[in-house]
Amino acid sequence: MSGARPALEVRGLRAAVAGREVLRGVDLVVGAGEVHAVMGPNGAGKSTLSHVLMGRPGYEVLGGSVLVDGEELGHLATWERARRGLFLAPQVPTEVPGVPLRAVLAEALAARGEAAPPADALVAAAGAVGLAPAFLDRPVNVDFSGGERKRNEVLQLALLRPRVAVLDEIDSGLDVDGLRAVARRVLAEVRERGLAVLAITHYPRLLSELVPDRVHVLLGGRVVQSGGPELAEELERTGYAGLAAALGVEAEGADEPGTPR
């Protein structure tokens, strides 16, 4: 990061759901133009982390801070965080019956005082992630396949140009070609605009296309180890339970060796 202020800083983040503490002091720093992966088994707190970062109601923040470009976002509503440049591609994108994607994008850009791209630019952007032009006029995510929903999320990311993108299992539902198209589009934003990416995933296959600068392992609501891309390869061999045993940490939610999820 060459001394520059990080795009995303998460400091000592603690959060509870339904009275149970799930995040127990998460620390992450992602610089502009960097891709960081968060990996961990079911129950580790990965999706909770994404929801808390975006300010989803129903999650109680017990402590810590979330900053984008040095600005504390913890007191802001979800839409205000989006206006500050934080973007979440959720694990299960929401259906919006009766509202076409073209209208959603136009309204989101208008809220920032920007005009919607020309029709041909929208069509080209959709094609870059493997979506036909007709998807622009269909209700958002209604009757979309799992892979089409994920392509749709990355299309929105490309057109809205956030500072920080949190991708929660963006690889789920995608075949090999779809994964490659989505990863290629995300990496274009990283290289061309300095987008900071926090990619949450169970599986190392995403990281073969969206190659991370850093990999973080989340176990029991904490980041227990960080390293380079080779850490994902180690998890493929040992599984999360093996890593937890080696580190002597709580292995809540850890799977058997060879099945990182």
Protein backbone atom coordinates (compact mmCIF):
# COMPACT_ATOMS: atom_id res chain seq x y z
CA MET A 1 0.00 0.00 0.00
CA SER A 2 3.11 2.19 0.00
CA GLY A 3 2.03 4.14 3.09
CA ALA A 4 -1.29 5.19 1.54
CA ARG A 5 -4.42 5.17 3.65
CA PRO A 6 -6.20 1.80 3.34
CA ALA A 7 -9.42 1.64 1.36
CA LEU A 8 -11.02 -0.61 4.01
CA GLU A 9 -10.10 -0.93 7.67
CA VAL A 10 -11.87 -3.28 10.07
CA ARG A 11 -10.62 -2.89 13.64
CA GLY A 12 -11.66 -5.12 16.54
CA LEU A 13 -15.11 -5.71 15.06
CA ARG A 14 -17.46 -7.59 17.38
CA ALA A 15 -21.08 -8.40 16.57
CA ALA A 16 -23.93 -10.58 17.77
CA VAL A 17 -26.95 -12.17 16.12
CA ALA A 18 -30.00 -13.11 18.20
CA GLY A 19 -28.01 -12.51 21.36
CA ARG A 20 -25.07 -14.75 20.37
CA GLU A 21 -21.68 -13.18 19.72
CA VAL A 22 -20.49 -14.30 16.28
CA LEU A 23 -17.70 -11.85 15.45
CA ARG A 24 -15.20 -11.68 18.30
CA GLY A 25 -12.70 -9.07 17.25
CA VAL A 26 -12.07 -9.11 13.49
CA ASP A 27 -9.14 -7.09 12.15
CA LEU A 28 -8.62 -6.58 8.40
CA VAL A 29 -6.88 -3.94 6.29
CA VAL A 30 -7.36 -3.87 2.52
CA GLY A 31 -5.53 -1.37 0.36
CA ALA A 32 -6.74 0.20 -2.87
CA GLY A 33 -6.08 -2.14 -5.78
CA GLU A 34 -5.78 -5.20 -3.54
CA VAL A 35 -7.76 -8.44 -3.44
CA HIS A 36 -8.09 -10.08 -0.05
CA ALA A 37 -9.86 -13.41 0.50
CA VAL A 38 -11.62 -14.47 3.71
CA MET A 39 -11.99 -18.23 4.03
CA GLY A 40 -13.53 -20.35 6.75
CA PRO A 41 -15.97 -23.17 7.45
CA ASN A 42 -19.70 -22.87 7.98
CA GLY A 43 -20.40 -21.08 11.24
CA ALA A 44 -17.13 -19.15 11.26
CA GLY A 45 -18.88 -15.79 10.79
CA LYS A 46 -18.06 -15.00 7.15
CA SER A 47 -21.52 -13.93 6.00
CA THR A 48 -22.13 -12.20 9.31
CA LEU A 49 -19.02 -10.16 8.61
CA SER A 50 -20.36 -9.09 5.20
CA HIS A 51 -23.75 -8.10 6.66
CA VAL A 52 -22.21 -6.15 9.53
CA LEU A 53 -19.88 -4.29 7.19
CA MET A 54 -22.88 -3.20 5.12
CA GLY A 55 -24.99 -2.28 8.16
CA ARG A 56 -27.78 -4.82 7.71
CA PRO A 57 -30.48 -4.50 10.40
CA GLY A 58 -30.74 -7.33 12.91
CA TYR A 59 -27.03 -7.48 13.74
CA GLU A 60 -25.87 -5.96 17.02
CA VAL A 61 -22.44 -4.33 16.84
CA LEU A 62 -20.72 -4.80 20.19
CA GLY A 63 -17.49 -2.97 19.42
CA GLY A 64 -14.86 -2.03 16.88
CA SER A 65 -14.89 0.12 13.78
CA VAL A 66 -15.35 -0.03 10.00
CA LEU A 67 -13.66 2.65 7.90
CA VAL A 68 -13.67 3.32 4.16
CA ASP A 69 -10.98 5.75 3.04
CA GLY A 70 -10.50 6.71 6.68
CA GLU A 71 -14.17 7.55 7.32
CA GLU A 72 -15.97 5.68 10.09
CA LEU A 73 -19.13 4.06 8.73
CA GLY A 74 -20.43 2.32 11.84
CA HIS A 75 -23.10 4.94 12.55
CA LEU A 76 -24.42 5.04 8.98
CA ALA A 77 -27.42 3.28 7.44
CA THR A 78 -26.86 0.78 4.64
CA TRP A 79 -27.74 3.23 1.85
CA GLU A 80 -25.35 5.81 3.30
CA ARG A 81 -22.53 3.26 3.35
CA ALA A 82 -23.24 2.54 -0.30
CA ARG A 83 -23.03 6.27 -1.05
CA ARG A 84 -19.60 6.30 0.65
CA GLY A 85 -18.36 3.65 -1.77
CA LEU A 86 -19.02 0.32 -0.04
CA PHE A 87 -20.63 -2.41 -2.17
CA LEU A 88 -21.88 -5.84 -1.13
CA ALA A 89 -22.61 -8.69 -3.52
CA PRO A 90 -24.62 -10.87 -1.11
CA GLN A 91 -24.50 -14.63 -0.94
CA VAL A 92 -28.21 -14.76 -1.86
CA PRO A 93 -29.12 -11.74 -4.03
CA THR A 94 -32.63 -10.40 -3.44
CA GLU A 95 -35.43 -10.53 -5.97
CA VAL A 96 -37.06 -7.18 -6.79
CA PRO A 97 -40.33 -7.96 -8.61
CA GLY A 98 -41.55 -5.37 -11.09
CA VAL A 99 -38.34 -3.34 -11.11
CA PRO A 100 -35.97 -3.79 -14.06
CA LEU A 101 -32.21 -3.66 -13.58
CA ARG A 102 -31.92 -0.72 -15.98
CA ALA A 103 -34.14 1.37 -13.65
CA VAL A 104 -32.23 0.33 -10.52
CA LEU A 105 -28.92 1.40 -12.04
CA ALA A 106 -30.37 4.70 -13.28
CA GLU A 107 -31.76 5.54 -9.83
CA ALA A 108 -28.55 4.58 -8.04
CA LEU A 109 -26.48 6.78 -10.31
CA ALA A 110 -28.99 9.65 -10.15
CA ALA A 111 -28.73 9.59 -6.35
CA ARG A 112 -25.04 10.43 -6.80
CA GLY A 113 -25.81 13.14 -9.37
CA GLU A 114 -24.65 11.01 -12.30
CA ALA A 115 -26.40 10.14 -15.53
CA ALA A 116 -27.06 6.55 -16.55
CA PRO A 117 -24.69 5.16 -19.19
CA PRO A 118 -25.90 5.11 -22.81
CA ALA A 119 -27.87 2.05 -23.86
CA ASP A 120 -25.01 0.63 -25.90
CA ALA A 121 -22.64 0.94 -22.92
CA LEU A 122 -25.10 -0.96 -20.72
CA VAL A 123 -25.40 -3.71 -23.29
CA ALA A 124 -21.62 -3.96 -23.57
CA ALA A 125 -21.23 -4.11 -19.78
CA ALA A 126 -23.83 -6.89 -19.55
CA GLY A 127 -22.10 -8.83 -22.31
CA ALA A 128 -18.77 -8.58 -20.48
CA VAL A 129 -20.18 -10.71 -17.65
CA GLY A 130 -22.12 -13.04 -19.94
CA LEU A 131 -25.62 -11.54 -19.65
CA ALA A 132 -27.83 -10.98 -22.71
CA PRO A 133 -29.26 -7.44 -23.23
CA ALA A 134 -32.74 -8.70 -22.29
CA PHE A 135 -31.63 -9.03 -18.65
CA LEU A 136 -31.45 -5.25 -18.37
CA ASP A 137 -35.22 -5.02 -18.74
CA ARG A 138 -36.19 -8.01 -16.60
CA PRO A 139 -37.18 -7.62 -12.93
CA VAL A 140 -34.04 -7.80 -10.83
CA ASN A 141 -33.14 -11.42 -10.08
CA VAL A 142 -36.69 -12.71 -10.70
CA ASP A 143 -36.43 -16.14 -12.33
CA PHE A 144 -32.65 -15.71 -12.63
CA SER A 145 -30.50 -18.78 -12.11
CA GLY A 146 -27.92 -18.72 -9.34
CA GLY A 147 -25.16 -17.96 -11.82
CA GLU A 148 -27.18 -15.21 -13.52
CA ARG A 149 -27.72 -13.54 -10.17
CA LYS A 150 -23.99 -13.51 -9.49
CA ARG A 151 -23.24 -12.12 -12.96
CA ASN A 152 -25.87 -9.47 -12.30
CA GLU A 153 -24.14 -8.44 -9.06
CA VAL A 154 -20.82 -7.97 -10.84
CA LEU A 155 -22.52 -5.99 -13.60
CA GLN A 156 -23.86 -3.61 -10.94
CA LEU A 157 -20.41 -3.39 -9.37
CA ALA A 158 -18.84 -2.45 -12.70
CA LEU A 159 -21.40 0.28 -13.42
CA LEU A 160 -21.63 1.75 -9.90
CA ARG A 161 -17.82 1.86 -9.45
CA PRO A 162 -17.53 1.52 -5.65
CA ARG A 163 -14.30 2.01 -3.71
CA VAL A 164 -14.62 -1.29 -1.83
CA ALA A 165 -16.43 -4.45 -2.94
CA VAL A 166 -17.35 -7.24 -0.51
CA LEU A 167 -18.11 -10.39 -2.51
CA ASP A 168 -19.87 -13.05 -0.44
CA GLU A 169 -19.46 -16.39 -2.24
CA ILE A 170 -19.60 -14.77 -5.66
CA ASP A 171 -18.48 -18.14 -7.09
CA SER A 172 -21.55 -20.09 -5.95
CA GLY A 173 -23.84 -21.05 -8.82
CA LEU A 174 -21.26 -20.25 -11.49
CA ASP A 175 -19.81 -22.77 -13.90
CA VAL A 176 -16.18 -22.56 -14.97
CA ASP A 177 -16.83 -20.11 -17.81
CA GLY A 178 -19.05 -17.94 -15.64
CA LEU A 179 -16.49 -17.86 -12.84
CA ARG A 180 -13.81 -16.81 -15.29
CA ALA A 181 -15.97 -14.02 -16.77
CA VAL A 182 -16.92 -12.68 -13.36
CA ALA A 183 -13.37 -12.80 -11.99
CA ARG A 184 -12.02 -11.12 -15.12
CA ARG A 185 -14.49 -8.23 -14.74
CA VAL A 186 -13.70 -7.76 -11.05
CA LEU A 187 -9.96 -7.79 -11.74
CA ALA A 188 -10.44 -5.15 -14.45
CA GLU A 189 -11.93 -2.87 -11.79
CA VAL A 190 -9.04 -3.64 -9.44
CA ARG A 191 -6.41 -2.81 -12.05
CA GLU A 192 -8.08 0.13 -13.75
CA ARG A 193 -9.65 1.94 -10.78
CA GLY A 194 -7.88 0.61 -7.72
CA LEU A 195 -10.98 -1.19 -6.45
CA ALA A 196 -10.38 -2.89 -3.09
CA VAL A 197 -11.92 -6.36 -2.89
CA LEU A 198 -12.80 -8.54 0.10
CA ALA A 199 -13.80 -11.92 -1.36
CA ILE A 200 -15.51 -14.36 1.02
CA THR A 201 -15.45 -17.98 -0.09
CA HIS A 202 -15.49 -21.60 1.06
CA TYR A 203 -13.61 -22.96 -1.92
CA PRO A 204 -10.10 -22.36 -3.31
CA ARG A 205 -11.46 -22.59 -6.89
CA LEU A 206 -12.47 -18.91 -6.84
CA LEU A 207 -8.93 -17.92 -5.94
CA SER A 208 -7.50 -19.67 -9.00
CA GLU A 209 -9.26 -16.98 -11.08
CA LEU A 210 -9.49 -14.07 -8.64
CA VAL A 211 -5.94 -14.40 -7.37
CA PRO A 212 -5.67 -12.71 -3.95
CA ASP A 213 -2.86 -10.61 -2.54
CA ARG A 214 -3.72 -11.91 0.93
CA VAL A 215 -5.75 -14.80 2.36
CA HIS A 216 -7.29 -14.62 5.84
CA VAL A 217 -8.73 -17.59 7.73
CA LEU A 218 -11.75 -16.91 9.92
CA LEU A 219 -12.40 -19.39 12.72
CA GLY A 220 -14.65 -18.85 15.72
CA GLY A 221 -15.33 -15.25 14.74
CA ARG A 222 -11.66 -14.21 14.55
CA VAL A 223 -8.97 -14.02 11.89
CA VAL A 224 -6.59 -16.71 13.12
CA GLN A 225 -4.08 -16.71 10.27
CA SER A 226 -3.18 -14.59 7.25
CA GLY A 227 -0.84 -15.27 4.38
CA GLY A 228 -0.36 -15.27 0.64
CA PRO A 229 -2.27 -17.32 -1.95
CA GLU A 230 -0.40 -20.43 -0.83
CA LEU A 231 -2.47 -20.40 2.38
CA ALA A 232 -5.56 -21.40 0.35
CA GLU A 233 -3.60 -24.33 -1.07
CA GLU A 234 -2.60 -25.38 2.44
CA LEU A 235 -6.27 -25.36 3.49
CA GLU A 236 -7.10 -27.63 0.58
CA ARG A 237 -4.67 -30.17 2.04
CA THR A 238 -5.32 -29.82 5.77
CA GLY A 239 -8.91 -28.60 6.04
CA TYR A 240 -9.92 -26.09 8.66
CA ALA A 241 -9.92 -28.58 11.51
CA GLY A 242 -6.30 -29.42 10.79
CA LEU A 243 -5.33 -25.76 10.77
CA ALA A 244 -7.21 -25.09 13.99
CA ALA A 245 -5.46 -28.00 15.68
CA ALA A 246 -2.06 -26.78 14.50
CA LEU A 247 -2.73 -23.27 15.79
CA GLY A 248 -4.37 -24.44 19.01
CA VAL A 249 -7.44 -22.28 18.41
CA GLU A 250 -11.17 -22.84 18.68
CA ALA A 251 -12.42 -24.82 15.69
CA GLU A 252 -16.12 -23.98 15.85
CA GLY A 253 -17.66 -24.92 12.51
CA ALA A 254 -14.47 -26.50 11.19
CA ASP A 255 -14.82 -29.26 8.64
CA GLU A 256 -12.83 -32.41 8.15
CA PRO A 257 -9.48 -32.21 6.28
CA GLY A 258 -9.74 -31.72 2.56
CA THR A 259 -13.23 -30.18 2.63
CA PRO A 260 -12.80 -26.44 3.25
CA ARG A 261 -16.21 -24.80 2.87
